[in-house]
Amino acid sequence: MEIVTSWMETGIERGLEQGRQEGRQEGRQEGLVQGRLQEAKATLIRLGTKKFGSPDALIAQRIESADLSFLEKLTDRLLEANSWQELFPA
C-alpha cells in the first residue's frame, strides 16, 4: 500500500504544471521555426519566379527539402544568379 501525502501531491502537481509549461514553450518555438521555414520557401519561390519563371519539378523539390539556413543563403544568392540552374548548381 502506497501512502501519498499532501506535500507529495503538491510536488506532483507542480511537476506536471512545469512539464505542461515547458511543452507549450517548445511547441511555440517549433511553430516559429516551421513558420520561418515556410516563409523562406515561399519567398525564394516568389522572387525566383519573378526573376527566372516557375521552377521545374526538381528545383521545387530541392526547395521543399532545404533547411532554413540553406534557403536563406539561396535567397541572398538570388540577386547574382541568372537562372534556377545557376542558383542550384548540380
N, C-alpha and C. Protein backbone atom coordinates (compact mmCIF):
# COMPACT_ATOMS: atom_id res chain seq x y z
N MET A 1 0.84 -1.18 0.00
CA MET A 1 0.00 0.00 0.00
C MET A 1 0.88 1.24 0.00
N GLU A 2 0.59 2.16 -0.90
CA GLU A 2 1.40 3.36 -1.02
C GLU A 2 0.63 4.54 -0.43
N ILE A 3 1.28 5.30 0.39
CA ILE A 3 0.65 6.47 1.00
C ILE A 3 1.22 7.71 0.33
N VAL A 4 0.32 8.52 -0.19
CA VAL A 4 0.73 9.77 -0.83
C VAL A 4 0.31 10.91 0.07
N THR A 5 1.27 11.69 0.51
CA THR A 5 0.98 12.80 1.40
C THR A 5 0.61 14.04 0.59
N SER A 6 0.07 15.02 1.27
CA SER A 6 -0.35 16.25 0.59
C SER A 6 0.85 16.98 -0.03
N TRP A 7 2.00 16.93 0.63
CA TRP A 7 3.18 17.59 0.05
C TRP A 7 3.65 16.85 -1.18
N MET A 8 3.47 15.52 -1.23
CA MET A 8 3.83 14.76 -2.42
C MET A 8 2.88 15.12 -3.57
N GLU A 9 1.58 15.23 -3.24
CA GLU A 9 0.61 15.62 -4.27
C GLU A 9 0.93 17.01 -4.81
N THR A 10 1.29 17.92 -3.93
CA THR A 10 1.66 19.27 -4.35
C THR A 10 2.87 19.22 -5.27
N GLY A 11 3.86 18.42 -4.92
CA GLY A 11 5.06 18.28 -5.75
C GLY A 11 4.73 17.70 -7.11
N ILE A 12 3.88 16.71 -7.12
CA ILE A 12 3.47 16.09 -8.39
C ILE A 12 2.74 17.11 -9.25
N GLU A 13 1.81 17.85 -8.65
CA GLU A 13 1.05 18.86 -9.39
C GLU A 13 1.98 19.94 -9.96
N ARG A 14 2.93 20.38 -9.15
CA ARG A 14 3.89 21.38 -9.63
C ARG A 14 4.73 20.83 -10.79
N GLY A 15 5.16 19.59 -10.65
CA GLY A 15 5.94 18.97 -11.71
C GLY A 15 5.14 18.85 -13.00
N LEU A 16 3.89 18.45 -12.89
CA LEU A 16 3.03 18.35 -14.07
C LEU A 16 2.82 19.71 -14.72
N GLU A 17 2.57 20.72 -13.91
CA GLU A 17 2.36 22.06 -14.46
C GLU A 17 3.64 22.58 -15.14
N GLN A 18 4.78 22.34 -14.52
CA GLN A 18 6.04 22.75 -15.13
C GLN A 18 6.24 22.03 -16.46
N GLY A 19 5.92 20.75 -16.49
CA GLY A 19 6.03 19.98 -17.73
C GLY A 19 5.11 20.52 -18.81
N ARG A 20 3.90 20.89 -18.44
CA ARG A 20 2.96 21.47 -19.41
C ARG A 20 3.49 22.80 -19.94
N GLN A 21 4.02 23.63 -19.04
CA GLN A 21 4.56 24.92 -19.46
C GLN A 21 5.73 24.74 -20.42
N GLU A 22 6.62 23.82 -20.09
CA GLU A 22 7.77 23.56 -20.96
C GLU A 22 7.30 23.02 -22.32
N GLY A 23 6.29 22.17 -22.30
CA GLY A 23 5.75 21.63 -23.55
C GLY A 23 5.14 22.72 -24.41
N ARG A 24 4.42 23.64 -23.79
CA ARG A 24 3.84 24.76 -24.55
C ARG A 24 4.93 25.64 -25.14
N GLN A 25 5.97 25.90 -24.35
CA GLN A 25 7.07 26.73 -24.84
C GLN A 25 7.77 26.06 -26.02
N GLU A 26 8.04 24.77 -25.90
CA GLU A 26 8.68 24.03 -27.00
C GLU A 26 7.79 24.04 -28.23
N GLY A 27 6.49 23.90 -28.04
CA GLY A 27 5.55 23.93 -29.15
C GLY A 27 5.56 25.28 -29.85
N ARG A 28 5.60 26.36 -29.09
CA ARG A 28 5.66 27.70 -29.68
C ARG A 28 6.95 27.88 -30.47
N GLN A 29 8.06 27.44 -29.90
CA GLN A 29 9.34 27.58 -30.58
C GLN A 29 9.35 26.78 -31.87
N GLU A 30 8.85 25.55 -31.83
CA GLU A 30 8.79 24.71 -33.02
C GLU A 30 7.89 25.35 -34.08
N GLY A 31 6.79 25.94 -33.63
CA GLY A 31 5.90 26.63 -34.56
C GLY A 31 6.58 27.81 -35.22
N LEU A 32 7.37 28.54 -34.47
CA LEU A 32 8.09 29.68 -35.04
C LEU A 32 9.11 29.22 -36.08
N VAL A 33 9.83 28.16 -35.77
CA VAL A 33 10.83 27.63 -36.71
C VAL A 33 10.14 27.16 -37.98
N GLN A 34 9.05 26.44 -37.85
CA GLN A 34 8.33 25.95 -39.02
C GLN A 34 7.76 27.12 -39.82
N GLY A 35 7.28 28.15 -39.13
CA GLY A 35 6.77 29.33 -39.81
C GLY A 35 7.86 30.04 -40.60
N ARG A 36 9.03 30.18 -40.01
CA ARG A 36 10.15 30.81 -40.71
C ARG A 36 10.59 29.99 -41.91
N LEU A 37 10.58 28.67 -41.76
CA LEU A 37 10.96 27.78 -42.86
C LEU A 37 9.99 27.93 -44.02
N GLN A 38 8.69 27.91 -43.73
CA GLN A 38 7.70 28.04 -44.80
C GLN A 38 7.79 29.42 -45.46
N GLU A 39 8.03 30.44 -44.69
CA GLU A 39 8.16 31.79 -45.25
C GLU A 39 9.40 31.90 -46.14
N ALA A 40 10.50 31.28 -45.73
CA ALA A 40 11.72 31.32 -46.54
C ALA A 40 11.50 30.60 -47.87
N LYS A 41 10.80 29.46 -47.84
CA LYS A 41 10.49 28.74 -49.08
C LYS A 41 9.62 29.59 -49.99
N ALA A 42 8.58 30.18 -49.43
CA ALA A 42 7.66 31.00 -50.22
C ALA A 42 8.38 32.21 -50.82
N THR A 43 9.24 32.83 -50.04
CA THR A 43 9.98 34.00 -50.52
C THR A 43 10.90 33.62 -51.68
N LEU A 44 11.63 32.54 -51.52
CA LEU A 44 12.55 32.11 -52.58
C LEU A 44 11.78 31.78 -53.86
N ILE A 45 10.70 31.06 -53.73
CA ILE A 45 9.92 30.72 -54.92
C ILE A 45 9.30 31.97 -55.55
N ARG A 46 8.76 32.86 -54.74
CA ARG A 46 8.13 34.08 -55.26
C ARG A 46 9.14 34.94 -56.00
N LEU A 47 10.28 35.21 -55.37
CA LEU A 47 11.28 36.07 -56.01
C LEU A 47 11.94 35.39 -57.20
N GLY A 48 12.23 34.10 -57.04
CA GLY A 48 12.84 33.36 -58.14
C GLY A 48 11.91 33.27 -59.35
N THR A 49 10.64 33.09 -59.12
CA THR A 49 9.67 33.03 -60.21
C THR A 49 9.59 34.36 -60.94
N LYS A 50 9.64 35.45 -60.20
CA LYS A 50 9.64 36.78 -60.85
C LYS A 50 10.88 36.97 -61.71
N LYS A 51 12.00 36.44 -61.27
CA LYS A 51 13.25 36.65 -61.99
C LYS A 51 13.49 35.61 -63.09
N PHE A 52 13.18 34.33 -62.82
CA PHE A 52 13.53 33.25 -63.74
C PHE A 52 12.33 32.53 -64.36
N GLY A 53 11.14 32.78 -63.85
CA GLY A 53 9.98 31.98 -64.24
C GLY A 53 9.80 30.85 -63.23
N SER A 54 8.76 30.06 -63.43
CA SER A 54 8.45 28.98 -62.49
C SER A 54 9.58 27.96 -62.43
N PRO A 55 9.88 27.46 -61.22
CA PRO A 55 10.92 26.42 -61.11
C PRO A 55 10.41 25.09 -61.65
N ASP A 56 11.30 24.28 -62.20
CA ASP A 56 10.89 22.94 -62.63
C ASP A 56 10.70 22.05 -61.40
N ALA A 57 10.22 20.84 -61.62
CA ALA A 57 9.89 19.94 -60.52
C ALA A 57 11.10 19.63 -59.64
N LEU A 58 12.27 19.45 -60.25
CA LEU A 58 13.47 19.12 -59.47
C LEU A 58 13.86 20.29 -58.57
N ILE A 59 13.83 21.49 -59.09
CA ILE A 59 14.16 22.68 -58.29
C ILE A 59 13.14 22.85 -57.18
N ALA A 60 11.86 22.69 -57.49
CA ALA A 60 10.81 22.83 -56.48
C ALA A 60 11.01 21.81 -55.36
N GLN A 61 11.39 20.58 -55.72
CA GLN A 61 11.63 19.55 -54.71
C GLN A 61 12.84 19.89 -53.85
N ARG A 62 13.87 20.45 -54.47
CA ARG A 62 15.06 20.83 -53.70
C ARG A 62 14.74 21.96 -52.73
N ILE A 63 13.91 22.90 -53.17
CA ILE A 63 13.50 23.99 -52.28
C ILE A 63 12.69 23.42 -51.12
N GLU A 64 11.76 22.54 -51.42
CA GLU A 64 10.88 21.96 -50.40
C GLU A 64 11.67 21.18 -49.35
N SER A 65 12.76 20.54 -49.73
CA SER A 65 13.52 19.72 -48.79
C SER A 65 14.67 20.48 -48.11
N ALA A 66 14.88 21.73 -48.47
CA ALA A 66 16.01 22.50 -47.92
C ALA A 66 15.73 22.95 -46.49
N ASP A 67 16.80 23.14 -45.72
CA ASP A 67 16.65 23.68 -44.38
C ASP A 67 16.71 25.20 -44.42
N LEU A 68 16.39 25.84 -43.31
CA LEU A 68 16.27 27.30 -43.24
C LEU A 68 17.58 28.00 -43.62
N SER A 69 18.69 27.53 -43.10
CA SER A 69 19.98 28.15 -43.38
C SER A 69 20.29 28.15 -44.87
N PHE A 70 20.06 27.01 -45.52
CA PHE A 70 20.33 26.90 -46.96
C PHE A 70 19.39 27.81 -47.75
N LEU A 71 18.13 27.87 -47.37
CA LEU A 71 17.17 28.73 -48.06
C LEU A 71 17.57 30.20 -47.95
N GLU A 72 18.05 30.60 -46.79
CA GLU A 72 18.49 31.98 -46.61
C GLU A 72 19.69 32.29 -47.50
N LYS A 73 20.62 31.35 -47.62
CA LYS A 73 21.78 31.54 -48.49
C LYS A 73 21.34 31.64 -49.95
N LEU A 74 20.41 30.78 -50.35
CA LEU A 74 19.91 30.83 -51.73
C LEU A 74 19.23 32.15 -52.02
N THR A 75 18.45 32.63 -51.08
CA THR A 75 17.76 33.91 -51.28
C THR A 75 18.76 35.03 -51.46
N ASP A 76 19.85 35.01 -50.70
CA ASP A 76 20.91 36.01 -50.87
C ASP A 76 21.57 35.89 -52.24
N ARG A 77 21.81 34.66 -52.68
CA ARG A 77 22.47 34.43 -53.98
C ARG A 77 21.55 34.71 -55.16
N LEU A 78 20.26 34.80 -54.92
CA LEU A 78 19.28 35.03 -55.97
C LEU A 78 19.59 36.30 -56.76
N LEU A 79 20.12 37.30 -56.10
CA LEU A 79 20.42 38.57 -56.77
C LEU A 79 21.50 38.42 -57.83
N GLU A 80 22.41 37.48 -57.64
CA GLU A 80 23.54 37.32 -58.56
C GLU A 80 23.31 36.25 -59.63
N ALA A 81 22.37 35.35 -59.41
CA ALA A 81 22.14 34.25 -60.34
C ALA A 81 21.32 34.71 -61.55
N ASN A 82 21.48 33.98 -62.65
CA ASN A 82 20.76 34.30 -63.87
C ASN A 82 19.72 33.25 -64.24
N SER A 83 19.65 32.15 -63.47
CA SER A 83 18.69 31.10 -63.73
C SER A 83 18.55 30.23 -62.50
N TRP A 84 17.49 29.42 -62.47
CA TRP A 84 17.33 28.45 -61.39
C TRP A 84 18.51 27.49 -61.37
N GLN A 85 18.96 27.08 -62.55
CA GLN A 85 20.06 26.13 -62.63
C GLN A 85 21.36 26.73 -62.09
N GLU A 86 21.55 28.01 -62.31
CA GLU A 86 22.74 28.67 -61.77
C GLU A 86 22.63 28.80 -60.25
N LEU A 87 21.43 29.01 -59.77
CA LEU A 87 21.20 29.12 -58.32
C LEU A 87 21.39 27.77 -57.65
N PHE A 88 21.00 26.69 -58.34
CA PHE A 88 21.12 25.33 -57.84
C PHE A 88 22.08 24.54 -58.72
N PRO A 89 23.37 24.77 -58.62
CA PRO A 89 24.29 24.00 -59.46
C PRO A 89 24.22 22.51 -59.12
N ALA A 90 24.50 21.70 -60.11
CA ALA A 90 24.40 20.24 -59.94
C ALA A 90 25.37 19.71 -58.92
